[in-house]
């Protein structure tokens, strides 16, 4: 470590008050992440800042691309867990998203599952994606009032990943309310965020909340364990080609080891968390943008008409929807669905001139990274053409990280992008829509629009 490195205690940040830390500077209707993004411009010159949470933590947050290039070096920094992920791990265990990199089960699952998420393998999941997308469209055709976009995108993405992942149908568009399992999952995810704002001294006041969290976790485990047990009792010749069959049948190519039922449970829950929460937010933000940007909607629709026509989407045609995909990429830039990536130095290291001891969590505030004016001119302007090939090649690879970094980046990113591209294309092909007001952000674990409703009209053809 450099001998001239500054002590962490001198890192800038908002004031710290007794008991509540920097809570007054983190408060707001849109949640902690939006509050942190609001603070970030004040610290652009340094590129990092610290903030004391009511729970007693003092995260280090990286906000500039220049500093992020160092912490994304996997030889020096490895993914670790902090903040909401520590709570999410209580029900996703050593799943791909919440495992520590040195856990053997992560390596086994990564090697077994990665081939199933390859671009070439996506063709097998497109029919199920299409069926669920048609259920969304059918629901919207019957709508007589503005539709609740976030709720419907959540139904879409949950049903898609549950069918493609482990052959379970929640049938969300047929029910008046979300399935009890999905309600339990939603409460557990919200608890992962809410815990950050509670002073440690007040923990005894939330025993009822803790009991409810334990009940929700038990309910989730029971459903997933039942799905695994039923699949194992079914003759293998009748197994569908989904991720559950892959996990039950394929041995790790490195060790020859099969995945345990417990680890499979955690992977299924990881699919549900990471596979619905993020894509639902992505689609919701993008639909709001198209609803308020007539010129962009016209461009996207023209591309969809030219490439898809009236036919069913295929992998080949979806990959030709370059503007549609760039529009989704720009939504992920402005509203990244994983708001913080947390790493820790393998050995004592230096970040932005400050000494950081080995193992100390360092968070990259992804939304601030994606707005770094040194890399993203007019960063608040929505411009899909930032992702034209020549522009993307000219940027640092550290500048855009909506799917994580390196070996711990999202295994299912191609699945998510094809799912989102299909859904968006089918919606703009069939509907005109207007938003009910300006964009507001919900204080959820993965950011989503708050109260977004669209007024739908069948498109004149």
Protein backbone atom coordinates (compact mmCIF):
# COMPACT_ATOMS: atom_id res chain seq x y z
CA UNK A 1 0.00 0.00 0.00
CA UNK A 2 1.17 3.53 -0.74
CA UNK A 3 2.64 5.27 2.28
CA UNK A 4 0.92 8.55 1.35
CA UNK A 5 -2.60 7.07 1.37
CA UNK A 6 -5.16 9.04 3.36
CA UNK A 7 -6.92 7.64 6.41
CA UNK A 8 -10.51 6.53 5.84
CA UNK A 9 -11.67 8.82 8.63
CA UNK A 10 -10.86 11.79 6.38
CA UNK A 11 -13.02 10.60 3.46
CA UNK A 12 -15.75 13.16 2.79
CA UNK A 13 -19.41 12.48 3.36
CA UNK A 14 -22.60 13.92 4.84
CA UNK A 15 -22.58 14.83 8.55
CA UNK A 16 -22.92 12.05 11.12
CA UNK A 17 -25.30 12.49 14.05
CA UNK A 18 -25.49 10.38 17.26
CA UNK A 19 -27.68 7.26 17.02
CA UNK A 20 -29.08 8.04 13.56
CA UNK A 21 -25.83 8.54 11.61
CA UNK A 22 -26.50 10.36 8.34
CA UNK A 23 -30.18 9.36 8.25
CA UNK A 24 -31.50 12.91 7.75
CA UNK A 25 -29.50 13.10 4.50
CA UNK A 26 -30.77 9.68 3.40
CA UNK A 27 -34.45 10.32 4.03
CA UNK A 28 -36.86 10.90 1.19
CA UNK A 29 -39.94 9.50 -0.48
CA UNK A 30 -37.87 7.84 -3.19
CA UNK A 31 -35.63 5.90 -0.82
CA UNK A 32 -32.00 5.65 0.17
CA UNK A 33 -30.54 4.98 -3.28
CA UNK A 34 -32.11 8.08 -4.79
CA UNK A 35 -30.89 10.10 -1.80
CA UNK A 36 -27.35 8.80 -2.39
CA UNK A 37 -27.58 9.71 -6.08
CA UNK A 38 -28.64 13.18 -5.04
CA UNK A 39 -25.55 13.46 -2.82
CA UNK A 40 -23.11 12.13 -5.42
CA UNK A 41 -22.51 15.33 -7.47
CA UNK A 42 -21.15 17.03 -4.35
CA UNK A 43 -18.32 14.48 -4.20
CA UNK A 44 -17.48 14.14 -7.92
CA UNK A 45 -14.07 15.72 -7.50
CA UNK A 46 -13.00 13.12 -4.94
CA UNK A 47 -14.85 10.29 -6.67
CA UNK A 48 -15.81 8.58 -3.40
CA UNK A 49 -17.69 9.35 -0.21
CA UNK A 50 -18.77 7.67 3.01
CA UNK A 51 -22.20 7.71 4.59
CA UNK A 52 -23.15 6.46 8.07
CA UNK A 53 -26.38 4.43 8.13
CA UNK A 54 -28.69 4.18 11.16
CA UNK A 55 -27.85 0.47 11.37
CA UNK A 56 -24.27 1.39 12.28
CA UNK A 57 -22.55 0.73 8.94
CA UNK A 58 -20.42 3.33 7.15
CA UNK A 59 -20.30 2.29 3.48
CA UNK A 60 -17.59 3.58 1.16
CA UNK A 61 -19.23 4.54 -2.14
CA UNK A 62 -17.37 4.90 -5.46
CA UNK A 63 -19.12 7.23 -7.91
CA UNK A 64 -16.65 7.96 -10.74
CA UNK A 65 -15.47 5.71 -13.57
CA UNK A 66 -11.79 6.49 -12.94
CA UNK A 67 -11.99 5.06 -9.41
CA UNK A 68 -14.29 2.20 -10.47
CA UNK A 69 -11.67 0.93 -12.93
CA UNK A 70 -9.49 0.02 -9.95
CA UNK A 71 -12.14 -1.68 -7.82
CA UNK A 72 -13.40 -3.71 -10.79
CA UNK A 73 -9.95 -5.34 -11.06
CA UNK A 74 -10.73 -8.86 -9.78
CA UNK A 75 -7.08 -9.49 -8.99
CA UNK A 76 -7.33 -6.80 -6.30
CA UNK A 77 -11.04 -6.75 -5.35
CA UNK A 78 -13.57 -9.55 -4.98
CA UNK A 79 -17.34 -9.39 -4.69
CA UNK A 80 -18.62 -9.35 -1.12
CA UNK A 81 -22.02 -8.89 0.51
CA UNK A 82 -23.23 -5.80 2.28
CA UNK A 83 -26.45 -3.86 2.80
CA UNK A 84 -29.66 -5.50 1.47
CA UNK A 85 -27.81 -8.54 0.11
CA UNK A 86 -27.03 -9.75 3.62
CA UNK A 87 -30.76 -10.01 4.31
CA UNK A 88 -31.58 -11.43 0.87
CA UNK A 89 -28.97 -14.13 1.51
CA UNK A 90 -31.11 -15.34 4.41
CA UNK A 91 -33.54 -16.78 1.86
CA UNK A 92 -31.35 -17.21 -1.25
CA UNK A 93 -28.34 -18.68 0.58
CA UNK A 94 -25.42 -19.53 -1.67
CA UNK A 95 -27.35 -18.82 -4.86
CA UNK A 96 -25.43 -17.31 -7.75
CA UNK A 97 -26.21 -13.73 -6.74
CA UNK A 98 -25.65 -13.94 -2.97
CA UNK A 99 -22.88 -16.52 -2.69
CA UNK A 100 -19.40 -15.51 -1.67
CA UNK A 101 -16.86 -16.15 -4.41
CA UNK A 102 -14.92 -18.64 -2.29
CA UNK A 103 -17.95 -20.85 -1.58
CA UNK A 104 -17.53 -24.17 -3.45
CA UNK A 105 -21.26 -24.38 -4.18
CA UNK A 106 -21.08 -21.15 -6.17
CA UNK A 107 -18.45 -22.59 -8.49
CA UNK A 108 -20.46 -25.78 -9.00
CA UNK A 109 -23.68 -23.90 -9.78
CA UNK A 110 -21.92 -21.43 -12.05
CA UNK A 111 -20.32 -24.17 -14.14
CA UNK A 112 -23.53 -26.24 -14.34
CA UNK A 113 -25.85 -23.35 -15.19
CA UNK A 114 -23.77 -21.14 -17.46
CA UNK A 115 -24.25 -23.33 -20.58
CA UNK A 116 -28.03 -23.15 -20.08
CA UNK A 117 -27.92 -19.36 -20.20
CA UNK A 118 -25.89 -19.12 -23.41
CA UNK A 119 -27.33 -17.13 -26.28
CA UNK A 120 -27.73 -20.28 -28.36
CA UNK A 121 -29.80 -21.97 -25.65
CA UNK A 122 -32.29 -19.10 -25.47
CA UNK A 123 -34.31 -20.48 -28.39
CA UNK A 124 -35.79 -23.16 -26.12
CA UNK A 125 -37.23 -20.57 -23.71
CA UNK A 126 -38.75 -18.21 -26.28
CA UNK A 127 -42.06 -20.11 -26.67
CA UNK A 128 -42.76 -19.83 -22.93
CA UNK A 129 -41.72 -16.17 -22.95
CA UNK A 130 -44.13 -15.60 -25.83
CA UNK A 131 -47.01 -17.34 -24.06
CA UNK A 132 -46.64 -15.18 -20.95
CA UNK A 133 -46.24 -12.01 -23.04
CA UNK A 134 -49.50 -12.88 -24.81
CA UNK A 135 -51.17 -13.22 -21.41
CA UNK A 136 -50.07 -9.67 -20.63
CA UNK A 137 -51.41 -8.43 -23.96
CA UNK A 138 -54.72 -10.22 -23.43
CA UNK A 139 -55.06 -8.58 -20.03
CA UNK A 140 -54.32 -5.16 -21.49
CA UNK A 141 -56.81 -5.63 -24.33
CA UNK A 142 -59.55 -5.98 -21.70
CA UNK A 143 -58.43 -2.99 -19.64
CA UNK A 144 -61.06 -0.29 -19.16
CA UNK A 145 -58.92 1.91 -16.91
CA UNK A 146 -55.23 2.86 -16.82
CA UNK A 147 -53.09 -0.20 -16.11
CA UNK A 148 -50.72 -0.56 -13.16
CA UNK A 149 -47.47 -0.98 -15.07
CA UNK A 150 -45.14 -2.15 -12.30
CA UNK A 151 -47.67 -4.72 -11.06
CA UNK A 152 -48.21 -6.09 -14.56
CA UNK A 153 -44.51 -6.16 -15.41
CA UNK A 154 -43.93 -8.02 -12.14
CA UNK A 155 -46.55 -10.60 -13.10
CA UNK A 156 -44.98 -10.93 -16.54
CA UNK A 157 -41.43 -11.46 -15.34
CA UNK A 158 -42.32 -13.70 -12.39
CA UNK A 159 -44.43 -16.00 -14.53
CA UNK A 160 -41.78 -16.10 -17.25
CA UNK A 161 -38.90 -17.07 -14.98
CA UNK A 162 -40.99 -19.55 -12.99
CA UNK A 163 -42.13 -21.39 -16.13
CA UNK A 164 -38.75 -21.28 -17.89
CA UNK A 165 -36.79 -21.90 -14.72
CA UNK A 166 -38.66 -24.72 -13.01
CA UNK A 167 -41.92 -25.41 -14.79
CA UNK A 168 -44.20 -23.79 -12.21
CA UNK A 169 -47.18 -21.70 -13.29
CA UNK A 170 -48.25 -18.91 -10.93
CA UNK A 171 -50.92 -17.85 -13.48
CA UNK A 172 -50.66 -14.30 -12.22
CA UNK A 173 -52.84 -12.77 -14.94
CA UNK A 174 -55.73 -15.08 -14.01
CA UNK A 175 -55.73 -14.23 -10.28
CA UNK A 176 -57.14 -11.13 -8.57
CA UNK A 177 -54.00 -10.83 -6.41
CA UNK A 178 -50.43 -12.12 -6.50
CA UNK A 179 -49.92 -15.72 -5.42
CA UNK A 180 -49.19 -15.98 -1.65
CA UNK A 181 -45.65 -17.15 -2.41
CA UNK A 182 -45.03 -14.02 -4.45
CA UNK A 183 -46.47 -11.82 -1.73
CA UNK A 184 -44.07 -13.46 0.74
CA UNK A 185 -41.18 -12.88 -1.65
CA UNK A 186 -42.14 -9.23 -2.06
CA UNK A 187 -42.31 -8.65 1.69
CA UNK A 188 -38.95 -10.35 2.21
CA UNK A 189 -37.31 -8.16 -0.43
CA UNK A 190 -38.77 -5.02 1.09
CA UNK A 191 -37.49 -6.07 4.52
CA UNK A 192 -33.97 -6.24 3.06
CA UNK A 193 -34.19 -2.51 2.33
CA UNK A 194 -36.12 -1.46 5.42
CA UNK A 195 -33.53 -2.91 7.78
CA UNK A 196 -30.95 -0.40 6.57
CA UNK A 197 -32.92 2.52 7.95
CA UNK A 198 -33.41 1.09 11.45
CA UNK A 199 -31.05 2.15 14.22
CA UNK A 200 -29.59 -0.94 15.89
CA UNK A 201 -30.97 0.18 19.27
CA UNK A 202 -34.52 -0.09 17.94
CA UNK A 203 -34.21 -3.71 16.78
CA UNK A 204 -36.25 -5.07 19.74
CA UNK A 205 -39.23 -3.04 18.53
CA UNK A 206 -39.34 -5.02 15.29
CA UNK A 207 -39.72 -8.57 16.67
CA UNK A 208 -43.07 -8.91 14.91
CA UNK A 209 -41.49 -7.92 11.60
CA UNK A 210 -38.75 -10.50 12.16
CA UNK A 211 -41.34 -13.22 12.84
CA UNK A 212 -43.16 -12.31 9.66
CA UNK A 213 -39.88 -12.48 7.72
CA UNK A 214 -39.22 -15.97 9.14
CA UNK A 215 -42.74 -17.07 8.18
CA UNK A 216 -42.28 -15.71 4.66
CA UNK A 217 -38.95 -17.48 4.31
CA UNK A 218 -40.48 -20.77 5.49
CA UNK A 219 -43.34 -20.40 3.00
CA UNK A 220 -40.93 -19.81 0.14
CA UNK A 221 -38.79 -22.80 1.10
CA UNK A 222 -41.82 -25.09 1.31
CA UNK A 223 -43.07 -24.26 -2.18
CA UNK A 224 -39.68 -24.57 -3.86
CA UNK A 225 -38.74 -27.76 -1.99
CA UNK A 226 -42.10 -29.24 -3.09
CA UNK A 227 -41.40 -28.37 -6.73
CA UNK A 228 -37.98 -30.05 -6.52
CA UNK A 229 -39.42 -33.16 -4.85
CA UNK A 230 -42.16 -33.52 -7.47
CA UNK A 231 -39.68 -33.18 -10.31
CA UNK A 232 -37.49 -35.92 -8.81
CA UNK A 233 -40.53 -38.20 -8.52
CA UNK A 234 -41.36 -37.70 -12.21
CA UNK A 235 -39.78 -40.10 -14.74
CA UNK A 236 -36.77 -38.42 -16.32
CA UNK A 237 -38.14 -39.04 -19.78
CA UNK A 238 -40.90 -36.57 -18.89
CA UNK A 239 -38.68 -33.82 -17.52
CA UNK A 240 -38.97 -30.52 -19.41
CA UNK A 241 -35.82 -28.81 -20.68
CA UNK A 242 -35.65 -26.12 -18.03
CA UNK A 243 -33.13 -24.94 -15.44
CA UNK A 244 -34.45 -27.24 -12.73
CA UNK A 245 -33.90 -30.33 -14.89
CA UNK A 246 -30.43 -29.04 -15.74
CA UNK A 247 -29.53 -28.62 -12.06
CA UNK A 248 -30.86 -32.04 -11.08
CA UNK A 249 -29.21 -33.98 -13.90
CA UNK A 250 -25.93 -32.28 -14.85
CA UNK A 251 -22.74 -32.89 -12.89
CA UNK A 252 -20.15 -30.18 -12.41
CA UNK A 253 -17.68 -30.66 -15.32
CA UNK A 254 -14.77 -29.81 -13.02
CA UNK A 255 -15.52 -31.94 -9.94
CA UNK A 256 -18.16 -34.40 -11.14
CA UNK A 257 -20.30 -33.19 -8.24
CA UNK A 258 -24.09 -32.92 -8.46
CA UNK A 259 -25.81 -29.92 -6.93
CA UNK A 260 -27.46 -30.54 -3.57
CA UNK A 261 -31.21 -30.08 -3.18
CA UNK A 262 -30.54 -27.20 -0.79
CA UNK A 263 -28.34 -25.39 -3.30
CA UNK A 264 -30.91 -26.02 -6.05
CA UNK A 265 -33.54 -24.44 -3.78
CA UNK A 266 -31.35 -21.37 -3.37
CA UNK A 267 -30.73 -21.15 -7.11
CA UNK A 268 -34.47 -21.32 -7.84
CA UNK A 269 -35.12 -18.53 -5.34
CA UNK A 270 -32.25 -16.57 -6.87
CA UNK A 271 -33.84 -16.95 -10.31
CA UNK A 272 -37.11 -15.61 -8.94
CA UNK A 273 -35.50 -12.65 -7.16
CA UNK A 274 -32.93 -11.65 -9.77
CA UNK A 275 -35.05 -12.79 -12.72
CA UNK A 276 -38.18 -10.83 -11.96
CA UNK A 277 -37.33 -7.80 -9.82
CA UNK A 278 -34.76 -6.41 -12.21
CA UNK A 279 -36.52 -7.05 -15.52
CA UNK A 280 -39.84 -5.72 -14.18
CA UNK A 281 -38.13 -2.46 -13.27
CA UNK A 282 -36.33 -2.26 -16.61
CA UNK A 283 -39.55 -2.68 -18.59
CA UNK A 284 -41.47 -0.23 -16.42
CA UNK A 285 -38.87 2.53 -16.77
CA UNK A 286 -38.64 1.94 -20.52
CA UNK A 287 -42.41 2.06 -21.01
CA UNK A 288 -42.56 5.35 -19.12
CA UNK A 289 -39.82 6.75 -21.34
CA UNK A 290 -41.62 5.69 -24.53
CA UNK A 291 -44.92 7.04 -23.20
CA UNK A 292 -43.34 10.48 -22.77
CA UNK A 293 -41.11 10.51 -25.86
CA UNK A 294 -43.25 10.27 -28.99
CA UNK A 295 -40.31 10.53 -31.37
CA UNK A 296 -38.48 7.62 -29.76
CA UNK A 297 -41.66 5.52 -29.62
CA UNK A 298 -42.15 6.10 -33.34
CA UNK A 299 -38.57 5.00 -34.10
CA UNK A 300 -38.85 1.86 -31.98
CA UNK A 301 -42.24 0.97 -33.47
CA UNK A 302 -40.96 1.42 -37.01
CA UNK A 303 -38.10 -0.98 -36.28
CA UNK A 304 -40.49 -3.53 -34.74
CA UNK A 305 -42.83 -3.33 -37.72
CA UNK A 306 -39.99 -3.77 -40.18
CA UNK A 307 -38.31 -6.66 -38.36
CA UNK A 308 -41.20 -8.57 -36.77
CA UNK A 309 -44.13 -7.61 -38.96
CA UNK A 310 -47.10 -9.59 -37.65
CA UNK A 311 -45.07 -12.70 -36.95
CA UNK A 312 -44.03 -14.36 -33.71
CA UNK A 313 -40.63 -13.27 -32.38
CA UNK A 314 -37.67 -15.60 -32.79
CA UNK A 315 -34.19 -15.31 -31.35
CA UNK A 316 -32.90 -14.18 -34.75
CA UNK A 317 -35.51 -11.43 -35.18
CA UNK A 318 -35.20 -10.20 -31.58
CA UNK A 319 -31.45 -9.80 -32.02
CA UNK A 320 -32.12 -7.60 -35.07
CA UNK A 321 -34.10 -5.11 -32.94
CA UNK A 322 -31.01 -3.02 -32.34
CA UNK A 323 -32.75 0.26 -31.45
CA UNK A 324 -35.14 -1.55 -29.11
CA UNK A 325 -32.20 -3.15 -27.33
CA UNK A 326 -30.32 0.16 -27.19
CA UNK A 327 -33.39 1.75 -25.62
CA UNK A 328 -33.38 -0.92 -22.93
CA UNK A 329 -29.64 -0.38 -22.43
CA UNK A 330 -30.18 3.35 -21.94
CA UNK A 331 -32.90 2.63 -19.37
CA UNK A 332 -30.41 0.43 -17.52
CA UNK A 333 -27.90 3.26 -17.62
CA UNK A 334 -30.20 5.79 -15.99
CA UNK A 335 -32.02 3.36 -13.72
CA UNK A 336 -29.73 0.37 -13.09
CA UNK A 337 -31.74 -2.38 -11.49
CA UNK A 338 -28.86 -3.47 -9.23
CA UNK A 339 -28.07 -0.10 -7.65
CA UNK A 340 -24.88 -1.00 -5.75
CA UNK A 341 -22.08 -3.47 -6.54
CA UNK A 342 -20.05 -4.31 -3.45
CA UNK A 343 -16.48 -5.57 -3.49
CA UNK A 344 -13.68 -5.82 -0.94
CA UNK A 345 -9.90 -5.62 -1.37
CA UNK A 346 -8.10 -8.96 -1.22
CA UNK A 347 -5.20 -7.19 0.52
CA UNK A 348 -4.83 -3.72 2.01
CA UNK A 349 -5.36 -1.37 -0.93
CA UNK A 350 -5.98 2.24 -1.92
CA UNK A 351 -9.20 3.65 -3.41
CA UNK A 352 -9.18 7.24 -4.69
CA UNK A 353 -6.16 7.93 -2.51
CA UNK A 354 -7.69 6.49 0.70
CA UNK A 355 -6.31 3.46 2.54
CA UNK A 356 -8.82 0.60 2.57
CA UNK A 357 -8.00 -2.47 4.68
CA UNK A 358 -8.40 -5.97 3.29
CA UNK A 359 -11.97 -7.21 3.50
CA UNK A 360 -13.52 -3.75 3.98
CA UNK A 361 -16.63 -3.47 1.75
CA UNK A 362 -16.51 -0.86 -1.01
CA UNK A 363 -19.73 -0.13 -2.87
CA UNK A 364 -19.93 1.16 -6.42
CA UNK A 365 -23.01 3.37 -6.71
CA UNK A 366 -23.95 2.23 -10.19
CA UNK A 367 -26.42 5.00 -10.97
CA UNK A 368 -23.75 7.61 -10.17
CA UNK A 369 -21.17 5.71 -12.24
CA UNK A 370 -23.60 5.75 -15.17
CA UNK A 371 -23.96 9.52 -14.81
CA UNK A 372 -20.26 10.37 -14.54
CA UNK A 373 -19.99 13.52 -16.70
CA UNK A 374 -16.38 12.66 -17.55
CA UNK A 375 -17.68 9.68 -19.54
CA UNK A 376 -21.36 10.38 -20.21
CA UNK A 377 -21.93 13.88 -21.72
CA UNK A 378 -25.41 15.30 -20.95
CA UNK A 379 -25.81 12.32 -18.66
CA UNK A 380 -29.42 13.03 -17.66
CA UNK A 381 -30.62 13.02 -21.29
CA UNK A 382 -32.14 9.74 -22.49
CA UNK A 383 -30.27 8.82 -25.67
CA UNK A 384 -30.22 5.20 -26.90
CA UNK A 385 -27.60 6.07 -29.50
CA UNK A 386 -25.00 6.17 -26.73
CA UNK A 387 -24.99 2.41 -27.30
CA UNK A 388 -24.23 2.39 -30.98
CA UNK A 389 -21.24 0.05 -31.45
CA UNK A 390 -18.65 2.74 -32.12
CA UNK A 391 -19.69 4.76 -29.05
CA UNK A 392 -19.63 1.71 -26.82
CA UNK A 393 -16.16 0.68 -28.00
CA UNK A 394 -14.80 4.13 -27.16
CA UNK A 395 -15.83 3.94 -23.47
CA UNK A 396 -14.05 2.33 -20.57
CA UNK A 397 -15.50 -1.06 -19.76
CA UNK A 398 -15.92 0.22 -16.20
CA UNK A 399 -18.38 2.88 -17.30
CA UNK A 400 -21.43 0.63 -17.71
CA UNK A 401 -22.16 -2.14 -15.23
CA UNK A 402 -25.90 -2.90 -15.06
CA UNK A 403 -25.24 -6.65 -14.87
CA UNK A 404 -22.37 -6.65 -12.40
CA UNK A 405 -18.69 -7.20 -13.00
CA UNK A 406 -16.36 -9.90 -14.25
CA UNK A 407 -16.81 -13.47 -13.09
CA UNK A 408 -19.69 -12.40 -10.85
CA UNK A 409 -21.67 -10.66 -13.55
CA UNK A 410 -25.25 -11.80 -14.11
CA UNK A 411 -25.37 -15.24 -15.72
CA UNK A 412 -28.91 -14.62 -16.96
CA UNK A 413 -28.36 -11.29 -18.70
CA UNK A 414 -29.11 -12.64 -22.19
CA UNK A 415 -32.29 -14.27 -20.90
CA UNK A 416 -33.37 -10.97 -19.33
CA UNK A 417 -32.58 -8.90 -22.42
CA UNK A 418 -34.40 -11.22 -24.81
CA UNK A 419 -37.40 -11.38 -22.47
CA UNK A 420 -37.52 -7.59 -22.15
CA UNK A 421 -36.99 -7.05 -25.90
CA UNK A 422 -39.83 -9.42 -26.76
CA UNK A 423 -42.26 -7.90 -24.28
CA UNK A 424 -41.45 -4.34 -25.31
CA UNK A 425 -41.73 -5.14 -29.02
CA UNK A 426 -45.11 -6.84 -28.62
CA UNK A 427 -46.49 -3.97 -26.56
CA UNK A 428 -45.45 -1.19 -28.96
CA UNK A 429 -46.66 -3.25 -31.92
CA UNK A 430 -50.19 -3.38 -30.48
CA UNK A 431 -50.74 -0.36 -28.23
CA UNK A 432 -50.50 3.38 -28.07
CA UNK A 433 -50.09 4.57 -24.50
CA UNK A 434 -49.70 7.68 -22.37
CA UNK A 435 -48.33 7.98 -18.83
CA UNK A 436 -50.30 9.38 -15.91
CA UNK A 437 -47.61 11.84 -14.80
CA UNK A 438 -43.91 12.53 -14.32
CA UNK A 439 -41.55 9.80 -13.25
CA UNK A 440 -41.21 9.06 -9.52
CA UNK A 441 -39.06 6.32 -8.00
CA UNK A 442 -40.34 3.75 -5.51
CA UNK A 443 -38.14 3.06 -2.44
CA UNK A 444 -37.77 -0.63 -3.28
CA UNK A 445 -34.74 -2.94 -3.24
CA UNK A 446 -34.44 -2.76 -7.00
CA UNK A 447 -35.61 0.65 -8.23
CA UNK A 448 -38.98 0.87 -9.98
CA UNK A 449 -41.30 3.70 -10.98
CA UNK A 450 -43.79 4.65 -8.27
CA UNK A 451 -47.48 4.71 -9.15
CA UNK A 452 -46.90 4.42 -12.89
CA UNK A 453 -50.06 3.88 -14.86
CA UNK A 454 -50.54 3.87 -18.60
CA UNK A 455 -53.69 4.75 -20.50
CA UNK A 456 -53.89 2.25 -23.35
CA UNK A 457 -55.39 2.48 -26.82
CA UNK A 458 -55.33 -0.28 -29.40
CA UNK A 459 -53.08 0.91 -32.16
CA UNK A 460 -54.73 1.80 -35.46
CA UNK A 461 -53.26 -0.50 -38.15
